Amino acid sequence: MRGQVSFEFFIVFSFLILFFFVSLMIYEDERESADALLSSMDARSVASSFSGAINGVYECGNGCSYTLHLKEGYSLMVYGRVVEVISNSQIGQAPLVTDRVQIQSATPGRYVLVRNNNGVVELHDA
């Protein structure tokens, strides 16, 4: 009788260990997916912030300016009427109302000055 209980305990314990490892693998996979989604959403948020600043300064007219922070690890580019932010292989894009945008310098981790200079929106380190 004692051997039968030990065998049943071994079987139940084995199933519990198997369940634990399968659950752990599923958790790790889902966590990686969630991290990628969060990084993508963060890149879109930064792109949206810069898009709003560029659009607002352009519409305000000559001499308007705005300063905002470019987070560490992000790079900023403008293609036509789209601002693109890249971070850790994640890309965030946002629309612009003008294609007259020049990025003179936008260093990650520093403040960037967005200024309207005679209808051309210039971005450079503040």
N, C-alpha and C. Protein backbone atom coordinates (compact mmCIF):
# COMPACT_ATOMS: atom_id res chain seq x y z
N MET A 1 0.82 -1.19 0.00
CA MET A 1 0.00 0.00 0.00
C MET A 1 0.86 1.26 0.00
N ARG A 2 1.95 1.22 0.75
CA ARG A 2 2.80 2.38 0.85
C ARG A 2 3.43 2.71 -0.53
N GLY A 3 3.80 1.71 -1.29
CA GLY A 3 4.38 1.92 -2.61
C GLY A 3 3.39 2.53 -3.58
N GLN A 4 2.11 2.14 -3.45
CA GLN A 4 1.06 2.68 -4.32
C GLN A 4 0.88 4.18 -4.08
N VAL A 5 0.89 4.62 -2.83
CA VAL A 5 0.74 6.04 -2.49
C VAL A 5 1.93 6.83 -3.01
N SER A 6 3.12 6.29 -2.89
CA SER A 6 4.31 6.98 -3.38
C SER A 6 4.25 7.14 -4.89
N PHE A 7 3.80 6.11 -5.60
CA PHE A 7 3.70 6.18 -7.05
C PHE A 7 2.66 7.22 -7.47
N GLU A 8 1.50 7.24 -6.82
CA GLU A 8 0.47 8.23 -7.14
C GLU A 8 0.95 9.64 -6.83
N PHE A 9 1.64 9.80 -5.73
CA PHE A 9 2.20 11.11 -5.40
C PHE A 9 3.19 11.55 -6.47
N PHE A 10 4.03 10.64 -6.94
CA PHE A 10 5.00 10.94 -7.98
C PHE A 10 4.30 11.38 -9.27
N ILE A 11 3.24 10.69 -9.65
CA ILE A 11 2.48 11.04 -10.87
C ILE A 11 1.86 12.43 -10.72
N VAL A 12 1.21 12.70 -9.60
CA VAL A 12 0.57 14.01 -9.38
C VAL A 12 1.62 15.11 -9.34
N PHE A 13 2.72 14.86 -8.65
CA PHE A 13 3.79 15.85 -8.57
C PHE A 13 4.38 16.13 -9.95
N SER A 14 4.53 15.11 -10.78
CA SER A 14 5.06 15.28 -12.14
C SER A 14 4.14 16.15 -12.97
N PHE A 15 2.82 15.91 -12.86
CA PHE A 15 1.87 16.75 -13.59
C PHE A 15 1.91 18.20 -13.12
N LEU A 16 2.06 18.41 -11.83
CA LEU A 16 2.16 19.78 -11.30
C LEU A 16 3.41 20.49 -11.83
N ILE A 17 4.53 19.79 -11.85
CA ILE A 17 5.77 20.37 -12.38
C ILE A 17 5.61 20.69 -13.87
N LEU A 18 5.02 19.77 -14.62
CA LEU A 18 4.78 19.99 -16.05
C LEU A 18 3.88 21.20 -16.26
N PHE A 19 2.81 21.29 -15.49
CA PHE A 19 1.91 22.44 -15.58
C PHE A 19 2.63 23.75 -15.27
N PHE A 20 3.48 23.72 -14.26
CA PHE A 20 4.25 24.91 -13.88
C PHE A 20 5.16 25.36 -15.03
N PHE A 21 5.88 24.44 -15.66
CA PHE A 21 6.79 24.82 -16.74
C PHE A 21 6.04 25.31 -17.98
N VAL A 22 4.93 24.69 -18.31
CA VAL A 22 4.12 25.15 -19.45
C VAL A 22 3.58 26.55 -19.16
N SER A 23 3.10 26.78 -17.96
CA SER A 23 2.60 28.10 -17.58
C SER A 23 3.70 29.15 -17.65
N LEU A 24 4.89 28.80 -17.22
CA LEU A 24 6.02 29.72 -17.25
C LEU A 24 6.41 30.07 -18.68
N MET A 25 6.40 29.10 -19.58
CA MET A 25 6.72 29.38 -21.00
C MET A 25 5.67 30.30 -21.62
N ILE A 26 4.41 30.04 -21.34
CA ILE A 26 3.34 30.89 -21.88
C ILE A 26 3.47 32.30 -21.33
N TYR A 27 3.77 32.43 -20.04
CA TYR A 27 3.93 33.74 -19.42
C TYR A 27 5.07 34.52 -20.07
N GLU A 28 6.21 33.88 -20.28
CA GLU A 28 7.36 34.56 -20.90
C GLU A 28 7.03 35.03 -22.30
N ASP A 29 6.35 34.22 -23.07
CA ASP A 29 5.98 34.60 -24.43
C ASP A 29 5.03 35.80 -24.43
N GLU A 30 4.04 35.76 -23.57
CA GLU A 30 3.08 36.87 -23.49
C GLU A 30 3.74 38.15 -22.97
N ARG A 31 4.68 38.01 -22.05
CA ARG A 31 5.39 39.18 -21.53
C ARG A 31 6.21 39.85 -22.62
N GLU A 32 6.89 39.06 -23.44
CA GLU A 32 7.66 39.62 -24.55
C GLU A 32 6.75 40.34 -25.54
N SER A 33 5.59 39.77 -25.82
CA SER A 33 4.64 40.42 -26.72
C SER A 33 4.13 41.73 -26.13
N ALA A 34 3.86 41.73 -24.85
CA ALA A 34 3.39 42.94 -24.18
C ALA A 34 4.47 44.01 -24.16
N ASP A 35 5.72 43.62 -23.94
CA ASP A 35 6.82 44.59 -23.95
C ASP A 35 6.98 45.22 -25.33
N ALA A 36 6.87 44.42 -26.39
CA ALA A 36 6.97 44.95 -27.75
C ALA A 36 5.82 45.91 -28.05
N LEU A 37 4.62 45.56 -27.60
CA LEU A 37 3.47 46.44 -27.81
C LEU A 37 3.64 47.75 -27.05
N LEU A 38 4.11 47.66 -25.81
CA LEU A 38 4.34 48.87 -25.01
C LEU A 38 5.39 49.77 -25.65
N SER A 39 6.46 49.19 -26.15
CA SER A 39 7.51 49.96 -26.81
C SER A 39 6.98 50.62 -28.07
N SER A 40 6.16 49.91 -28.82
CA SER A 40 5.56 50.48 -30.03
C SER A 40 4.62 51.63 -29.69
N MET A 41 3.83 51.47 -28.65
CA MET A 41 2.91 52.53 -28.23
C MET A 41 3.67 53.76 -27.73
N ASP A 42 4.78 53.54 -27.06
CA ASP A 42 5.60 54.64 -26.57
C ASP A 42 6.21 55.40 -27.75
N ALA A 43 6.68 54.69 -28.77
CA ALA A 43 7.23 55.35 -29.96
C ALA A 43 6.15 56.17 -30.66
N ARG A 44 4.95 55.65 -30.75
CA ARG A 44 3.84 56.40 -31.36
C ARG A 44 3.50 57.63 -30.53
N SER A 45 3.58 57.51 -29.22
CA SER A 45 3.29 58.65 -28.35
C SER A 45 4.31 59.77 -28.54
N VAL A 46 5.58 59.41 -28.64
CA VAL A 46 6.62 60.41 -28.86
C VAL A 46 6.43 61.06 -30.23
N ALA A 47 6.12 60.26 -31.25
CA ALA A 47 5.87 60.80 -32.59
C ALA A 47 4.68 61.75 -32.58
N SER A 48 3.64 61.38 -31.86
CA SER A 48 2.46 62.23 -31.76
C SER A 48 2.77 63.56 -31.06
N SER A 49 3.60 63.50 -30.03
CA SER A 49 3.99 64.73 -29.33
C SER A 49 4.75 65.68 -30.25
N PHE A 50 5.70 65.13 -31.00
CA PHE A 50 6.47 65.98 -31.92
C PHE A 50 5.61 66.46 -33.08
N SER A 51 4.70 65.62 -33.54
CA SER A 51 3.78 66.04 -34.61
C SER A 51 2.91 67.20 -34.15
N GLY A 52 2.37 67.11 -32.94
CA GLY A 52 1.55 68.20 -32.40
C GLY A 52 2.34 69.49 -32.25
N ALA A 53 3.59 69.37 -31.80
CA ALA A 53 4.42 70.57 -31.63
C ALA A 53 4.75 71.19 -32.99
N ILE A 54 5.13 70.37 -33.95
CA ILE A 54 5.46 70.88 -35.28
C ILE A 54 4.25 71.51 -35.94
N ASN A 55 3.10 70.83 -35.88
CA ASN A 55 1.89 71.37 -36.49
C ASN A 55 1.45 72.67 -35.81
N GLY A 56 1.51 72.70 -34.49
CA GLY A 56 1.11 73.90 -33.76
C GLY A 56 2.01 75.08 -34.06
N VAL A 57 3.31 74.86 -34.10
CA VAL A 57 4.26 75.94 -34.39
C VAL A 57 4.09 76.42 -35.82
N TYR A 58 3.86 75.51 -36.75
CA TYR A 58 3.66 75.90 -38.15
C TYR A 58 2.40 76.77 -38.30
N GLU A 59 1.32 76.34 -37.67
CA GLU A 59 0.06 77.07 -37.79
C GLU A 59 0.08 78.39 -37.04
N CYS A 60 0.89 78.49 -36.01
CA CYS A 60 1.00 79.72 -35.22
C CYS A 60 1.62 80.86 -36.03
N GLY A 61 2.56 80.54 -36.89
CA GLY A 61 3.16 81.55 -37.74
C GLY A 61 4.61 81.84 -37.38
N ASN A 62 5.17 82.78 -38.10
CA ASN A 62 6.59 83.13 -37.96
C ASN A 62 6.93 83.54 -36.52
N GLY A 63 8.02 82.99 -36.00
CA GLY A 63 8.50 83.36 -34.68
C GLY A 63 8.01 82.48 -33.55
N CYS A 64 6.98 81.67 -33.79
CA CYS A 64 6.49 80.78 -32.73
C CYS A 64 7.51 79.68 -32.46
N SER A 65 7.57 79.25 -31.21
CA SER A 65 8.49 78.17 -30.86
C SER A 65 7.90 77.35 -29.72
N TYR A 66 8.43 76.16 -29.59
CA TYR A 66 7.99 75.24 -28.56
C TYR A 66 9.16 74.32 -28.25
N THR A 67 9.32 73.98 -26.98
CA THR A 67 10.42 73.11 -26.57
C THR A 67 9.84 71.84 -25.95
N LEU A 68 10.38 70.70 -26.39
CA LEU A 68 9.97 69.44 -25.78
C LEU A 68 11.17 68.50 -25.72
N HIS A 69 11.04 67.47 -24.90
CA HIS A 69 12.14 66.56 -24.61
C HIS A 69 12.07 65.34 -25.52
N LEU A 70 13.21 65.01 -26.17
CA LEU A 70 13.32 63.77 -26.93
C LEU A 70 13.93 62.72 -26.01
N LYS A 71 13.16 61.69 -25.71
CA LYS A 71 13.59 60.67 -24.76
C LYS A 71 14.88 59.99 -25.23
N GLU A 72 15.64 59.53 -24.24
CA GLU A 72 16.88 58.80 -24.52
C GLU A 72 16.55 57.52 -25.29
N GLY A 73 17.33 57.22 -26.32
CA GLY A 73 17.13 56.01 -27.10
C GLY A 73 16.20 56.17 -28.28
N TYR A 74 15.70 57.38 -28.54
CA TYR A 74 14.80 57.62 -29.65
C TYR A 74 15.49 58.47 -30.70
N SER A 75 15.25 58.17 -31.97
CA SER A 75 15.74 59.02 -33.04
C SER A 75 14.54 59.59 -33.79
N LEU A 76 14.73 60.77 -34.34
CA LEU A 76 13.63 61.52 -34.95
C LEU A 76 13.96 61.79 -36.42
N MET A 77 12.99 61.52 -37.31
CA MET A 77 13.16 61.77 -38.74
C MET A 77 11.85 62.32 -39.30
N VAL A 78 11.97 63.06 -40.40
CA VAL A 78 10.79 63.58 -41.08
C VAL A 78 10.88 63.17 -42.54
N TYR A 79 9.80 62.54 -43.03
CA TYR A 79 9.69 62.16 -44.43
C TYR A 79 8.43 62.79 -45.00
N GLY A 80 8.59 63.81 -45.81
CA GLY A 80 7.42 64.47 -46.38
C GLY A 80 6.54 65.04 -45.29
N ARG A 81 5.35 64.53 -45.20
CA ARG A 81 4.40 65.00 -44.17
C ARG A 81 4.21 63.97 -43.06
N VAL A 82 5.28 63.29 -42.73
CA VAL A 82 5.22 62.28 -41.66
C VAL A 82 6.44 62.44 -40.77
N VAL A 83 6.21 62.48 -39.45
CA VAL A 83 7.31 62.45 -38.50
C VAL A 83 7.42 61.01 -38.00
N GLU A 84 8.66 60.53 -37.97
CA GLU A 84 8.89 59.14 -37.60
C GLU A 84 9.86 59.09 -36.42
N VAL A 85 9.51 58.29 -35.43
CA VAL A 85 10.35 58.10 -34.25
C VAL A 85 10.71 56.62 -34.18
N ILE A 86 12.01 56.35 -34.02
CA ILE A 86 12.49 54.97 -33.97
C ILE A 86 13.14 54.71 -32.62
N SER A 87 12.78 53.58 -32.01
CA SER A 87 13.37 53.17 -30.73
C SER A 87 13.34 51.67 -30.62
N ASN A 88 14.49 51.06 -30.41
CA ASN A 88 14.58 49.61 -30.20
C ASN A 88 13.82 48.84 -31.27
N SER A 89 14.03 49.17 -32.50
CA SER A 89 13.40 48.55 -33.68
C SER A 89 11.88 48.76 -33.72
N GLN A 90 11.36 49.64 -32.90
CA GLN A 90 9.94 50.00 -32.94
C GLN A 90 9.81 51.37 -33.61
N ILE A 91 8.84 51.51 -34.48
CA ILE A 91 8.67 52.75 -35.23
C ILE A 91 7.30 53.34 -34.90
N GLY A 92 7.30 54.65 -34.60
CA GLY A 92 6.05 55.38 -34.40
C GLY A 92 5.97 56.50 -35.42
N GLN A 93 4.83 56.66 -36.03
CA GLN A 93 4.65 57.70 -37.04
C GLN A 93 3.43 58.55 -36.71
N ALA A 94 3.50 59.81 -37.16
CA ALA A 94 2.37 60.72 -36.97
C ALA A 94 2.36 61.71 -38.14
N PRO A 95 1.17 62.17 -38.54
CA PRO A 95 1.07 63.06 -39.70
C PRO A 95 1.43 64.50 -39.37
N LEU A 96 1.88 65.22 -40.40
CA LEU A 96 2.20 66.64 -40.30
C LEU A 96 1.33 67.40 -41.29
N VAL A 97 1.11 68.69 -41.00
CA VAL A 97 0.32 69.53 -41.91
C VAL A 97 1.19 70.17 -42.98
N THR A 98 2.49 70.08 -42.85
CA THR A 98 3.40 70.68 -43.82
C THR A 98 4.59 69.76 -44.06
N ASP A 99 5.19 69.93 -45.22
CA ASP A 99 6.42 69.19 -45.49
C ASP A 99 7.64 70.11 -45.39
N ARG A 100 7.41 71.34 -44.93
CA ARG A 100 8.50 72.30 -44.77
C ARG A 100 9.08 72.21 -43.35
N VAL A 101 9.76 71.10 -43.10
CA VAL A 101 10.34 70.82 -41.79
C VAL A 101 11.81 70.46 -41.99
N GLN A 102 12.66 71.08 -41.20
CA GLN A 102 14.09 70.78 -41.25
C GLN A 102 14.58 70.39 -39.86
N ILE A 103 15.20 69.23 -39.77
CA ILE A 103 15.81 68.82 -38.51
C ILE A 103 17.29 69.16 -38.58
N GLN A 104 17.68 70.16 -37.81
CA GLN A 104 19.09 70.55 -37.78
C GLN A 104 19.85 69.68 -36.79
N SER A 105 19.27 69.44 -35.64
CA SER A 105 19.83 68.51 -34.66
C SER A 105 18.74 68.15 -33.67
N ALA A 106 18.69 66.88 -33.33
CA ALA A 106 17.73 66.39 -32.34
C ALA A 106 18.42 65.25 -31.59
N THR A 107 19.15 65.62 -30.56
CA THR A 107 19.94 64.66 -29.80
C THR A 107 19.06 63.96 -28.76
N PRO A 108 19.05 62.62 -28.77
CA PRO A 108 18.26 61.88 -27.77
C PRO A 108 18.70 62.23 -26.35
N GLY A 109 17.71 62.37 -25.49
CA GLY A 109 17.98 62.69 -24.09
C GLY A 109 18.09 64.19 -23.82
N ARG A 110 17.88 65.01 -24.84
CA ARG A 110 17.98 66.47 -24.67
C ARG A 110 16.67 67.12 -25.09
N TYR A 111 16.55 68.40 -24.76
CA TYR A 111 15.39 69.17 -25.19
C TYR A 111 15.59 69.64 -26.62
N VAL A 112 14.50 69.65 -27.37
CA VAL A 112 14.53 70.06 -28.77
C VAL A 112 13.64 71.29 -28.93
N LEU A 113 14.17 72.33 -29.56
CA LEU A 113 13.43 73.55 -29.83
C LEU A 113 12.80 73.43 -31.21
N VAL A 114 11.49 73.60 -31.28
CA VAL A 114 10.75 73.59 -32.53
C VAL A 114 10.36 75.04 -32.81
N ARG A 115 10.85 75.59 -33.93
CA ARG A 115 10.66 77.02 -34.20
C ARG A 115 10.21 77.23 -35.63
N ASN A 116 9.27 78.16 -35.82
CA ASN A 116 8.82 78.55 -37.15
C ASN A 116 9.68 79.72 -37.61
N ASN A 117 10.43 79.50 -38.67
CA ASN A 117 11.29 80.52 -39.23
C ASN A 117 10.83 80.82 -40.65
N ASN A 118 9.96 81.83 -40.79
CA ASN A 118 9.40 82.23 -42.10
C ASN A 118 8.71 81.07 -42.82
N GLY A 119 7.90 80.33 -42.10
CA GLY A 119 7.13 79.24 -42.70
C GLY A 119 7.84 77.90 -42.75
N VAL A 120 9.11 77.87 -42.35
CA VAL A 120 9.85 76.61 -42.29
C VAL A 120 10.02 76.25 -40.82
N VAL A 121 9.57 75.07 -40.46
CA VAL A 121 9.69 74.62 -39.08
C VAL A 121 11.06 73.98 -38.89
N GLU A 122 11.83 74.53 -37.98
CA GLU A 122 13.19 74.04 -37.71
C GLU A 122 13.23 73.36 -36.35
N LEU A 123 13.92 72.24 -36.28
CA LEU A 123 14.12 71.53 -35.02
C LEU A 123 15.61 71.50 -34.74
N HIS A 124 15.98 71.92 -33.55
CA HIS A 124 17.38 71.82 -33.13
C HIS A 124 17.44 71.75 -31.62
N ASP A 125 18.59 71.28 -31.12
CA ASP A 125 18.78 71.14 -29.69
C ASP A 125 18.63 72.50 -29.01
N ALA A 126 17.94 72.48 -27.88
CA ALA A 126 17.73 73.73 -27.13
C ALA A 126 18.92 74.04 -26.26
